[in-house]
Amino acid sequence: MAATPRPGTLRSQWLGQQLRELRDSKGILLKEAAEYLQRDTATLSRYETGFYPIRRPDLFALLDLYGISDASLRDKLLNLSKDVWQKGWWDGYADDVAGHLIDYIWLESRATHIRSYAAMVVPGLLQTPDYAREVIRINEPGATSDQIDRWLELRLTRQQILAGDTPTRLSAVLDEAVLHRQIGDPRIMETQLRHLADRSTAASVDVRILPFRAGTPASTNGNFSIFELPDPFPEVAYTETLAGALYIESPENENFTRAYAGHKRQAIEPSDSINMILSAAEEW
């Protein structure tokens, strides 16, 4: 039996949004659709807001009610429904991390291409264990050693998307400050930068450094990531603040795509970036 997913995930929100748009396009009232399913309006409303994912029999019934005969569209919605209910390896960490991080890891797992900009630290997918541990410790000052171990295990497991026969493409622009910002001791920094240079040689990884002297930056805002996902999912930008995480879907994520493109234009080429990274490692 499939495990019940956490309410309000991005997956269930996307499915609910599409169901609501289909109902509206047919001019069918929420009450009418609920009566057709023999459910109350509150239940159907929770389906459409993504607070609770719709079960497949109800989804089949709504697609019939809305007259959706196009096989391609039906398959997309049914596959999305399957994804909503499917249990991922990361669900084993659901009690250890904030809910928004579970959505973030799901996005990583589904993305075909991730573009990211890092202003202060090396992106998590490219971190060494010692460097990652220090980053976690800095950001979670009240965490116990057991909690840090658990979060570190999660971060290192996430890195597996860059391995295998069909790795996720990763394009990262790193501000030069990342190479000189001390995280841990000099030994940790040197090891991290040499690891970063090594990972940058992978065919699926593109790392570029944005030098201090590149000129006026495209944006002075901080870290963000952009996830390119397979159909029917939208492209999603992600940024995290001390007040919480934000997910911005296309086309509202234009500011992020514009900033990334600007940073990339000003960054140096990958081969020159590797040389700069190794030079900084020597200094450490």
C-alpha atoms as a PDB file:
ATOM      1  CA  MET A   1       0.000   0.000   0.000  1.00  0.00           C
ATOM      2  CA  ALA A   2       1.352   3.469  -0.908  1.00  0.00           C
ATOM      3  CA  ALA A   3       2.388   5.682   1.967  1.00  0.00           C
ATOM      4  CA  THR A   4       0.332   8.800   2.581  1.00  0.00           C
ATOM      5  CA  PRO A   5       2.335  11.806   1.387  1.00  0.00           C
ATOM      6  CA  ARG A   6       2.826  14.949   3.411  1.00  0.00           C
ATOM      7  CA  PRO A   7      -0.002  17.433   2.705  1.00  0.00           C
ATOM      8  CA  GLY A   8       0.688  20.537   0.688  1.00  0.00           C
ATOM      9  CA  THR A   9       3.665  19.326  -1.357  1.00  0.00           C
ATOM     10  CA  LEU A  10       4.517  21.047  -4.620  1.00  0.00           C
ATOM     11  CA  ARG A  11       3.435  17.904  -6.458  1.00  0.00           C
ATOM     12  CA  SER A  12      -0.073  17.907  -5.023  1.00  0.00           C
ATOM     13  CA  GLN A  13      -0.364  21.689  -5.480  1.00  0.00           C
ATOM     14  CA  TRP A  14       0.509  21.412  -9.177  1.00  0.00           C
ATOM     15  CA  LEU A  15      -1.973  18.605  -9.740  1.00  0.00           C
ATOM     16  CA  GLY A  16      -4.681  20.488  -7.852  1.00  0.00           C
ATOM     17  CA  GLN A  17      -4.024  23.653  -9.828  1.00  0.00           C
ATOM     18  CA  GLN A  18      -4.457  21.831 -13.136  1.00  0.00           C
ATOM     19  CA  LEU A  19      -7.664  20.179 -11.969  1.00  0.00           C
ATOM     20  CA  ARG A  20      -9.065  23.541 -10.887  1.00  0.00           C
ATOM     21  CA  GLU A  21      -8.168  25.090 -14.254  1.00  0.00           C
ATOM     22  CA  LEU A  22      -9.865  22.207 -16.099  1.00  0.00           C
ATOM     23  CA  ARG A  23     -13.030  22.582 -14.028  1.00  0.00           C
ATOM     24  CA  ASP A  24     -13.118  26.342 -14.574  1.00  0.00           C
ATOM     25  CA  SER A  25     -12.570  25.925 -18.322  1.00  0.00           C
ATOM     26  CA  LYS A  26     -15.670  23.719 -18.496  1.00  0.00           C
ATOM     27  CA  GLY A  27     -17.783  26.118 -16.425  1.00  0.00           C
ATOM     28  CA  ILE A  28     -18.453  23.461 -13.783  1.00  0.00           C
ATOM     29  CA  LEU A  29     -19.044  24.639 -10.223  1.00  0.00           C
ATOM     30  CA  LEU A  30     -17.110  23.163  -7.313  1.00  0.00           C
ATOM     31  CA  LYS A  31     -20.404  21.929  -5.835  1.00  0.00           C
ATOM     32  CA  GLU A  32     -21.374  20.185  -9.074  1.00  0.00           C
ATOM     33  CA  ALA A  33     -18.044  18.382  -9.355  1.00  0.00           C
ATOM     34  CA  ALA A  34     -18.194  17.360  -5.698  1.00  0.00           C
ATOM     35  CA  GLU A  35     -21.680  15.927  -6.148  1.00  0.00           C
ATOM     36  CA  TYR A  36     -20.476  13.960  -9.190  1.00  0.00           C
ATOM     37  CA  LEU A  37     -17.732  12.408  -7.029  1.00  0.00           C
ATOM     38  CA  GLN A  38     -20.212  11.894  -4.186  1.00  0.00           C
ATOM     39  CA  ARG A  39     -17.949  13.905  -1.919  1.00  0.00           C
ATOM     40  CA  ASP A  40     -18.433  17.167  -0.065  1.00  0.00           C
ATOM     41  CA  THR A  41     -17.140  20.460  -1.453  1.00  0.00           C
ATOM     42  CA  ALA A  42     -14.515  20.735   1.289  1.00  0.00           C
ATOM     43  CA  THR A  43     -12.859  17.518   0.091  1.00  0.00           C
ATOM     44  CA  LEU A  44     -12.756  18.638  -3.529  1.00  0.00           C
ATOM     45  CA  SER A  45     -11.455  22.029  -2.440  1.00  0.00           C
ATOM     46  CA  ARG A  46      -8.594  20.326  -0.595  1.00  0.00           C
ATOM     47  CA  TYR A  47      -7.815  18.375  -3.778  1.00  0.00           C
ATOM     48  CA  GLU A  48      -7.675  21.574  -5.806  1.00  0.00           C
ATOM     49  CA  THR A  49      -5.525  23.488  -3.323  1.00  0.00           C
ATOM     50  CA  GLY A  50      -3.149  20.562  -3.001  1.00  0.00           C
ATOM     51  CA  PHE A  51      -3.700  20.294   0.740  1.00  0.00           C
ATOM     52  CA  TYR A  52      -4.568  16.652   0.153  1.00  0.00           C
ATOM     53  CA  PRO A  53      -3.711  14.691  -3.017  1.00  0.00           C
ATOM     54  CA  ILE A  54      -6.534  13.241  -5.062  1.00  0.00           C
ATOM     55  CA  ARG A  55      -6.859   9.470  -5.302  1.00  0.00           C
ATOM     56  CA  ARG A  56      -6.722   7.883  -8.739  1.00  0.00           C
ATOM     57  CA  PRO A  57     -10.387   6.725  -8.898  1.00  0.00           C
ATOM     58  CA  ASP A  58     -11.524  10.286  -8.188  1.00  0.00           C
ATOM     59  CA  LEU A  59      -9.035  11.638 -10.730  1.00  0.00           C
ATOM     60  CA  PHE A  60     -10.354   9.267 -13.425  1.00  0.00           C
ATOM     61  CA  ALA A  61     -13.906  10.360 -12.600  1.00  0.00           C
ATOM     62  CA  LEU A  62     -13.076  14.085 -12.832  1.00  0.00           C
ATOM     63  CA  LEU A  63     -11.262  13.651 -16.143  1.00  0.00           C
ATOM     64  CA  ASP A  64     -14.369  11.959 -17.509  1.00  0.00           C
ATOM     65  CA  LEU A  65     -16.614  14.693 -16.077  1.00  0.00           C
ATOM     66  CA  TYR A  66     -14.445  17.400 -17.654  1.00  0.00           C
ATOM     67  CA  GLY A  67     -14.489  15.590 -20.996  1.00  0.00           C
ATOM     68  CA  ILE A  68     -10.705  15.092 -21.141  1.00  0.00           C
ATOM     69  CA  SER A  69     -10.328  12.550 -23.933  1.00  0.00           C
ATOM     70  CA  ASP A  70      -6.855  13.591 -25.122  1.00  0.00           C
ATOM     71  CA  ALA A  71      -4.656  10.612 -24.281  1.00  0.00           C
ATOM     72  CA  SER A  72      -1.527  12.708 -23.842  1.00  0.00           C
ATOM     73  CA  LEU A  73      -3.123  15.070 -21.323  1.00  0.00           C
ATOM     74  CA  ARG A  74      -4.738  12.212 -19.408  1.00  0.00           C
ATOM     75  CA  ASP A  75      -1.388  10.410 -19.199  1.00  0.00           C
ATOM     76  CA  LYS A  76       0.368  13.543 -17.932  1.00  0.00           C
ATOM     77  CA  LEU A  77      -2.155  14.072 -15.163  1.00  0.00           C
ATOM     78  CA  LEU A  78      -2.212  10.399 -14.209  1.00  0.00           C
ATOM     79  CA  ASN A  79       1.596  10.293 -14.091  1.00  0.00           C
ATOM     80  CA  LEU A  80       1.605  13.400 -11.932  1.00  0.00           C
ATOM     81  CA  SER A  81      -0.912  11.738  -9.637  1.00  0.00           C
ATOM     82  CA  LYS A  82       1.370   8.727  -9.394  1.00  0.00           C
ATOM     83  CA  ASP A  83       4.289  10.997  -8.538  1.00  0.00           C
ATOM     84  CA  VAL A  84       2.249  12.641  -5.791  1.00  0.00           C
ATOM     85  CA  TRP A  85       1.696   9.348  -4.031  1.00  0.00           C
ATOM     86  CA  GLN A  86       5.048   7.738  -4.763  1.00  0.00           C
ATOM     87  CA  LYS A  87       7.367   7.431  -1.790  1.00  0.00           C
ATOM     88  CA  GLY A  88      10.922   8.672  -2.384  1.00  0.00           C
ATOM     89  CA  TRP A  89      14.112   7.800  -0.525  1.00  0.00           C
ATOM     90  CA  TRP A  90      14.086  11.285   1.020  1.00  0.00           C
ATOM     91  CA  ASP A  91      10.811  10.629   2.826  1.00  0.00           C
ATOM     92  CA  GLY A  92      12.862   8.709   5.371  1.00  0.00           C
ATOM     93  CA  TYR A  93      14.241  12.082   6.466  1.00  0.00           C
ATOM     94  CA  ALA A  94      10.867  13.828   6.684  1.00  0.00           C
ATOM     95  CA  ASP A  95      10.998  13.988  10.487  1.00  0.00           C
ATOM     96  CA  ASP A  96      14.527  15.414  10.450  1.00  0.00           C
ATOM     97  CA  VAL A  97      14.178  18.414   8.142  1.00  0.00           C
ATOM     98  CA  ALA A  98      11.803  21.255   7.376  1.00  0.00           C
ATOM     99  CA  GLY A  99       8.972  20.475   4.976  1.00  0.00           C
ATOM    100  CA  HIS A 100      10.270  22.887   2.331  1.00  0.00           C
ATOM    101  CA  LEU A 101      13.513  20.884   2.088  1.00  0.00           C
ATOM    102  CA  ILE A 102      11.598  17.714   1.191  1.00  0.00           C
ATOM    103  CA  ASP A 103      10.109  19.620  -1.751  1.00  0.00           C
ATOM    104  CA  TYR A 104      13.588  20.899  -2.651  1.00  0.00           C
ATOM    105  CA  ILE A 105      15.050  17.383  -2.690  1.00  0.00           C
ATOM    106  CA  TRP A 106      12.150  16.168  -4.812  1.00  0.00           C
ATOM    107  CA  LEU A 107      12.871  18.970  -7.297  1.00  0.00           C
ATOM    108  CA  GLU A 108      16.528  17.921  -7.388  1.00  0.00           C
ATOM    109  CA  SER A 109      15.573  14.319  -8.000  1.00  0.00           C
ATOM    110  CA  ARG A 110      13.273  15.200 -10.904  1.00  0.00           C
ATOM    111  CA  ALA A 111      15.264  18.008 -12.527  1.00  0.00           C
ATOM    112  CA  THR A 112      16.942  17.509 -15.875  1.00  0.00           C
ATOM    113  CA  HIS A 113      19.068  20.636 -15.427  1.00  0.00           C
ATOM    114  CA  ILE A 114      19.849  22.717 -12.341  1.00  0.00           C
ATOM    115  CA  ARG A 115      21.250  26.238 -12.651  1.00  0.00           C
ATOM    116  CA  SER A 116      22.497  27.841  -9.472  1.00  0.00           C
ATOM    117  CA  TYR A 117      24.257  30.944  -8.255  1.00  0.00           C
ATOM    118  CA  ALA A 118      26.310  30.820  -5.047  1.00  0.00           C
ATOM    119  CA  ALA A 119      27.474  34.003  -3.344  1.00  0.00           C
ATOM    120  CA  MET A 120      29.091  32.678  -0.170  1.00  0.00           C
ATOM    121  CA  VAL A 121      29.544  28.896  -0.005  1.00  0.00           C
ATOM    122  CA  VAL A 122      30.016  26.001  -2.435  1.00  0.00           C
ATOM    123  CA  PRO A 123      26.629  24.539  -3.513  1.00  0.00           C
ATOM    124  CA  GLY A 124      25.548  21.499  -1.512  1.00  0.00           C
ATOM    125  CA  LEU A 125      25.775  19.111  -4.475  1.00  0.00           C
ATOM    126  CA  LEU A 126      29.502  19.887  -4.755  1.00  0.00           C
ATOM    127  CA  GLN A 127      30.471  19.934  -1.077  1.00  0.00           C
ATOM    128  CA  THR A 128      32.902  17.576   0.657  1.00  0.00           C
ATOM    129  CA  PRO A 129      31.725  15.896   3.882  1.00  0.00           C
ATOM    130  CA  ASP A 130      33.915  18.048   6.153  1.00  0.00           C
ATOM    131  CA  TYR A 131      32.919  21.281   4.416  1.00  0.00           C
ATOM    132  CA  ALA A 132      29.238  20.297   4.458  1.00  0.00           C
ATOM    133  CA  ARG A 133      29.403  19.487   8.155  1.00  0.00           C
ATOM    134  CA  GLU A 134      30.796  22.954   8.895  1.00  0.00           C
ATOM    135  CA  VAL A 135      28.100  24.652   6.785  1.00  0.00           C
ATOM    136  CA  ILE A 136      25.374  22.727   8.617  1.00  0.00           C
ATOM    137  CA  ARG A 137      26.914  23.511  12.006  1.00  0.00           C
ATOM    138  CA  ILE A 138      27.103  27.238  11.196  1.00  0.00           C
ATOM    139  CA  ASN A 139      23.481  27.426  10.047  1.00  0.00           C
ATOM    140  CA  GLU A 140      22.094  25.202  12.806  1.00  0.00           C
ATOM    141  CA  PRO A 141      23.928  26.358  15.967  1.00  0.00           C
ATOM    142  CA  GLY A 142      21.541  24.542  18.314  1.00  0.00           C
ATOM    143  CA  ALA A 143      21.738  21.164  16.566  1.00  0.00           C
ATOM    144  CA  THR A 144      23.033  18.078  18.333  1.00  0.00           C
ATOM    145  CA  SER A 145      25.852  16.002  16.852  1.00  0.00           C
ATOM    146  CA  ASP A 146      23.310  13.285  15.965  1.00  0.00           C
ATOM    147  CA  GLN A 147      21.154  15.786  14.082  1.00  0.00           C
ATOM    148  CA  ILE A 148      24.162  17.113  12.192  1.00  0.00           C
ATOM    149  CA  ASP A 149      25.149  13.552  11.260  1.00  0.00           C
ATOM    150  CA  ARG A 150      21.647  12.913   9.947  1.00  0.00           C
ATOM    151  CA  TRP A 151      21.565  16.110   7.883  1.00  0.00           C
ATOM    152  CA  LEU A 152      25.039  15.404   6.544  1.00  0.00           C
ATOM    153  CA  GLU A 153      23.947  11.934   5.456  1.00  0.00           C
ATOM    154  CA  LEU A 154      21.009  13.485   3.628  1.00  0.00           C
ATOM    155  CA  ARG A 155      23.203  16.051   1.860  1.00  0.00           C
ATOM    156  CA  LEU A 156      25.725  13.469   0.690  1.00  0.00           C
ATOM    157  CA  THR A 157      22.959  11.150  -0.536  1.00  0.00           C
ATOM    158  CA  ARG A 158      21.523  14.007  -2.589  1.00  0.00           C
ATOM    159  CA  GLN A 159      24.808  14.245  -4.483  1.00  0.00           C
ATOM    160  CA  GLN A 160      24.095  10.894  -6.148  1.00  0.00           C
ATOM    161  CA  ILE A 161      21.995  12.681  -8.792  1.00  0.00           C
ATOM    162  CA  LEU A 162      25.299  13.788 -10.356  1.00  0.00           C
ATOM    163  CA  ALA A 163      26.462  10.177 -10.758  1.00  0.00           C
ATOM    164  CA  GLY A 164      25.324   7.237 -12.855  1.00  0.00           C
ATOM    165  CA  ASP A 165      24.634   6.796 -16.569  1.00  0.00           C
ATOM    166  CA  THR A 166      22.194   9.716 -16.827  1.00  0.00           C
ATOM    167  CA  PRO A 167      23.328  12.329 -14.296  1.00  0.00           C
ATOM    168  CA  THR A 168      21.450  15.554 -13.750  1.00  0.00           C
ATOM    169  CA  ARG A 169      23.092  18.502 -15.497  1.00  0.00           C
ATOM    170  CA  LEU A 170      24.424  21.091 -13.059  1.00  0.00           C
ATOM    171  CA  SER A 171      25.469  24.591 -14.117  1.00  0.00           C
ATOM    172  CA  ALA A 172      26.799  26.696 -11.261  1.00  0.00           C
ATOM    173  CA  VAL A 173      28.122  30.240 -11.156  1.00  0.00           C
ATOM    174  CA  LEU A 174      30.162  30.887  -8.009  1.00  0.00           C
ATOM    175  CA  ASP A 175      31.158  34.327  -6.846  1.00  0.00           C
ATOM    176  CA  GLU A 176      34.931  34.541  -6.317  1.00  0.00           C
ATOM    177  CA  ALA A 177      34.194  35.171  -2.632  1.00  0.00           C
ATOM    178  CA  VAL A 178      33.251  31.487  -2.307  1.00  0.00           C
ATOM    179  CA  LEU A 179      36.903  30.559  -2.911  1.00  0.00           C
ATOM    180  CA  HIS A 180      38.159  32.838  -0.152  1.00  0.00           C
ATOM    181  CA  ARG A 181      35.408  32.584   2.466  1.00  0.00           C
ATOM    182  CA  GLN A 182      36.834  30.347   5.186  1.00  0.00           C
ATOM    183  CA  ILE A 183      34.529  27.520   6.196  1.00  0.00           C
ATOM    184  CA  GLY A 184      36.219  25.394   8.850  1.00  0.00           C
ATOM    185  CA  ASP A 185      40.004  25.320   8.834  1.00  0.00           C
ATOM    186  CA  PRO A 186      42.442  25.819   5.918  1.00  0.00           C
ATOM    187  CA  ARG A 187      42.755  22.060   5.386  1.00  0.00           C
ATOM    188  CA  ILE A 188      38.977  21.778   4.897  1.00  0.00           C
ATOM    189  CA  MET A 189      39.069  24.684   2.440  1.00  0.00           C
ATOM    190  CA  GLU A 190      41.928  23.249   0.393  1.00  0.00           C
ATOM    191  CA  THR A 191      40.289  19.830   0.188  1.00  0.00           C
ATOM    192  CA  GLN A 192      36.956  21.384  -0.759  1.00  0.00           C
ATOM    193  CA  LEU A 193      38.404  23.499  -3.550  1.00  0.00           C
ATOM    194  CA  ARG A 194      40.381  20.604  -5.014  1.00  0.00           C
ATOM    195  CA  HIS A 195      37.191  18.515  -4.918  1.00  0.00           C
ATOM    196  CA  LEU A 196      35.311  21.366  -6.617  1.00  0.00           C
ATOM    197  CA  ALA A 197      37.930  21.537  -9.380  1.00  0.00           C
ATOM    198  CA  ASP A 198      37.761  17.781  -9.858  1.00  0.00           C
ATOM    199  CA  ARG A 199      33.935  17.696 -10.055  1.00  0.00           C
ATOM    200  CA  SER A 200      34.066  20.593 -12.530  1.00  0.00           C
ATOM    201  CA  THR A 201      35.697  18.314 -15.093  1.00  0.00           C
ATOM    202  CA  ALA A 202      32.618  16.051 -15.292  1.00  0.00           C
ATOM    203  CA  ALA A 203      30.731  16.309 -18.586  1.00  0.00           C
ATOM    204  CA  SER A 204      27.443  17.045 -16.808  1.00  0.00           C
ATOM    205  CA  VAL A 205      28.878  19.737 -14.506  1.00  0.00           C
ATOM    206  CA  ASP A 206      29.624  23.314 -15.579  1.00  0.00           C
ATOM    207  CA  VAL A 207      31.239  25.508 -12.915  1.00  0.00           C
ATOM    208  CA  ARG A 208      32.154  29.125 -13.642  1.00  0.00           C
ATOM    209  CA  ILE A 209      33.676  31.704 -11.309  1.00  0.00           C
ATOM    210  CA  LEU A 210      32.375  35.277 -11.264  1.00  0.00           C
ATOM    211  CA  PRO A 211      35.528  37.328 -10.545  1.00  0.00           C
ATOM    212  CA  PHE A 212      35.590  40.368  -8.269  1.00  0.00           C
ATOM    213  CA  ARG A 213      36.728  42.482 -11.205  1.00  0.00           C
ATOM    214  CA  ALA A 214      34.006  41.308 -13.607  1.00  0.00           C
ATOM    215  CA  GLY A 215      32.282  44.689 -13.400  1.00  0.00           C
ATOM    216  CA  THR A 216      28.896  45.725 -12.065  1.00  0.00           C
ATOM    217  CA  PRO A 217      27.015  42.504 -11.199  1.00  0.00           C
ATOM    218  CA  ALA A 218      23.740  41.509 -12.793  1.00  0.00           C
ATOM    219  CA  SER A 219      22.180  41.327  -9.323  1.00  0.00           C
ATOM    220  CA  THR A 220      23.293  41.937  -5.751  1.00  0.00           C
ATOM    221  CA  ASN A 221      20.871  39.400  -4.284  1.00  0.00           C
ATOM    222  CA  GLY A 222      22.099  36.114  -2.839  1.00  0.00           C
ATOM    223  CA  ASN A 223      21.964  32.395  -3.594  1.00  0.00           C
ATOM    224  CA  PHE A 224      19.294  30.825  -5.770  1.00  0.00           C
ATOM    225  CA  SER A 225      18.657  27.750  -7.889  1.00  0.00           C
ATOM    226  CA  ILE A 226      16.537  27.192 -10.996  1.00  0.00           C
ATOM    227  CA  PHE A 227      15.153  23.717 -11.681  1.00  0.00           C
ATOM    228  CA  GLU A 228      14.274  22.655 -15.215  1.00  0.00           C
ATOM    229  CA  LEU A 229      11.768  19.800 -14.943  1.00  0.00           C
ATOM    230  CA  PRO A 230      10.223  17.383 -17.448  1.00  0.00           C
ATOM    231  CA  ASP A 231       6.733  17.996 -18.771  1.00  0.00           C
ATOM    232  CA  PRO A 232       4.175  18.634 -17.265  1.00  0.00           C
ATOM    233  CA  PHE A 233       6.050  20.426 -14.477  1.00  0.00           C
ATOM    234  CA  PRO A 234       6.910  24.132 -14.709  1.00  0.00           C
ATOM    235  CA  GLU A 235      10.389  25.530 -14.294  1.00  0.00           C
ATOM    236  CA  VAL A 236      10.899  26.483 -10.643  1.00  0.00           C
ATOM    237  CA  ALA A 237      13.251  28.963  -8.990  1.00  0.00           C
ATOM    238  CA  TYR A 238      14.197  28.538  -5.349  1.00  0.00           C
ATOM    239  CA  THR A 239      15.737  30.899  -2.862  1.00  0.00           C
ATOM    240  CA  GLU A 240      16.100  30.636   0.889  1.00  0.00           C
ATOM    241  CA  THR A 241      16.033  33.394   3.498  1.00  0.00           C
ATOM    242  CA  LEU A 242      16.261  33.472   7.279  1.00  0.00           C
ATOM    243  CA  ALA A 243      12.461  33.791   7.234  1.00  0.00           C
ATOM    244  CA  GLY A 244      11.929  30.684   5.089  1.00  0.00           C
ATOM    245  CA  ALA A 245      12.145  29.297   1.575  1.00  0.00           C
ATOM    246  CA  LEU A 246      10.449  30.578  -1.569  1.00  0.00           C
ATOM    247  CA  TYR A 247       9.483  28.616  -4.690  1.00  0.00           C
ATOM    248  CA  ILE A 248       8.673  30.700  -7.763  1.00  0.00           C
ATOM    249  CA  GLU A 249       7.237  29.041 -10.879  1.00  0.00           C
ATOM    250  CA  SER A 250       7.663  30.216 -14.457  1.00  0.00           C
ATOM    251  CA  PRO A 251       6.903  32.736 -15.813  1.00  0.00           C
ATOM    252  CA  GLU A 252       7.110  34.590 -12.479  1.00  0.00           C
ATOM    253  CA  ASN A 253      10.728  33.419 -12.081  1.00  0.00           C
ATOM    254  CA  GLU A 254      12.000  35.716 -14.843  1.00  0.00           C
ATOM    255  CA  ASN A 255      14.082  37.789 -12.399  1.00  0.00           C
ATOM    256  CA  PHE A 256      16.010  34.662 -11.453  1.00  0.00           C
ATOM    257  CA  THR A 257      16.633  33.536 -15.024  1.00  0.00           C
ATOM    258  CA  ARG A 258      17.718  37.065 -15.956  1.00  0.00           C
ATOM    259  CA  ALA A 259      20.089  37.286 -12.986  1.00  0.00           C
ATOM    260  CA  TYR A 260      21.591  33.881 -13.720  1.00  0.00           C
ATOM    261  CA  ALA A 261      22.145  34.741 -17.376  1.00  0.00           C
ATOM    262  CA  GLY A 262      23.811  37.993 -16.352  1.00  0.00           C
ATOM    263  CA  HIS A 263      26.101  36.276 -13.841  1.00  0.00           C
ATOM    264  CA  LYS A 264      27.049  33.658 -16.405  1.00  0.00           C
ATOM    265  CA  ARG A 265      27.923  36.285 -19.037  1.00  0.00           C
ATOM    266  CA  GLN A 266      30.324  37.950 -16.608  1.00  0.00           C
ATOM    267  CA  ALA A 267      31.836  34.699 -15.327  1.00  0.00           C
ATOM    268  CA  ILE A 268      35.049  33.264 -16.779  1.00  0.00           C
ATOM    269  CA  GLU A 269      35.118  30.096 -18.871  1.00  0.00           C
ATOM    270  CA  PRO A 270      35.116  26.657 -17.168  1.00  0.00           C
ATOM    271  CA  SER A 271      38.799  25.905 -17.896  1.00  0.00           C
ATOM    272  CA  ASP A 272      39.881  29.292 -16.513  1.00  0.00           C
ATOM    273  CA  SER A 273      37.559  28.761 -13.550  1.00  0.00           C
ATOM    274  CA  ILE A 274      39.250  25.459 -12.703  1.00  0.00           C
ATOM    275  CA  ASN A 275      42.643  27.184 -12.777  1.00  0.00           C
ATOM    276  CA  MET A 276      41.349  29.908 -10.449  1.00  0.00           C
ATOM    277  CA  ILE A 277      39.891  27.304  -8.082  1.00  0.00           C
ATOM    278  CA  LEU A 278      43.174  25.367  -7.953  1.00  0.00           C
ATOM    279  CA  SER A 279      45.134  28.569  -7.422  1.00  0.00           C
ATOM    280  CA  ALA A 280      42.918  29.418  -4.456  1.00  0.00           C
ATOM    281  CA  ALA A 281      43.381  25.876  -3.110  1.00  0.00           C
ATOM    282  CA  GLU A 282      47.150  26.431  -3.195  1.00  0.00           C
ATOM    283  CA  GLU A 283      46.751  29.607  -1.144  1.00  0.00           C
ATOM    284  CA  TRP A 284      44.815  27.719   1.510  1.00  0.00           C
END
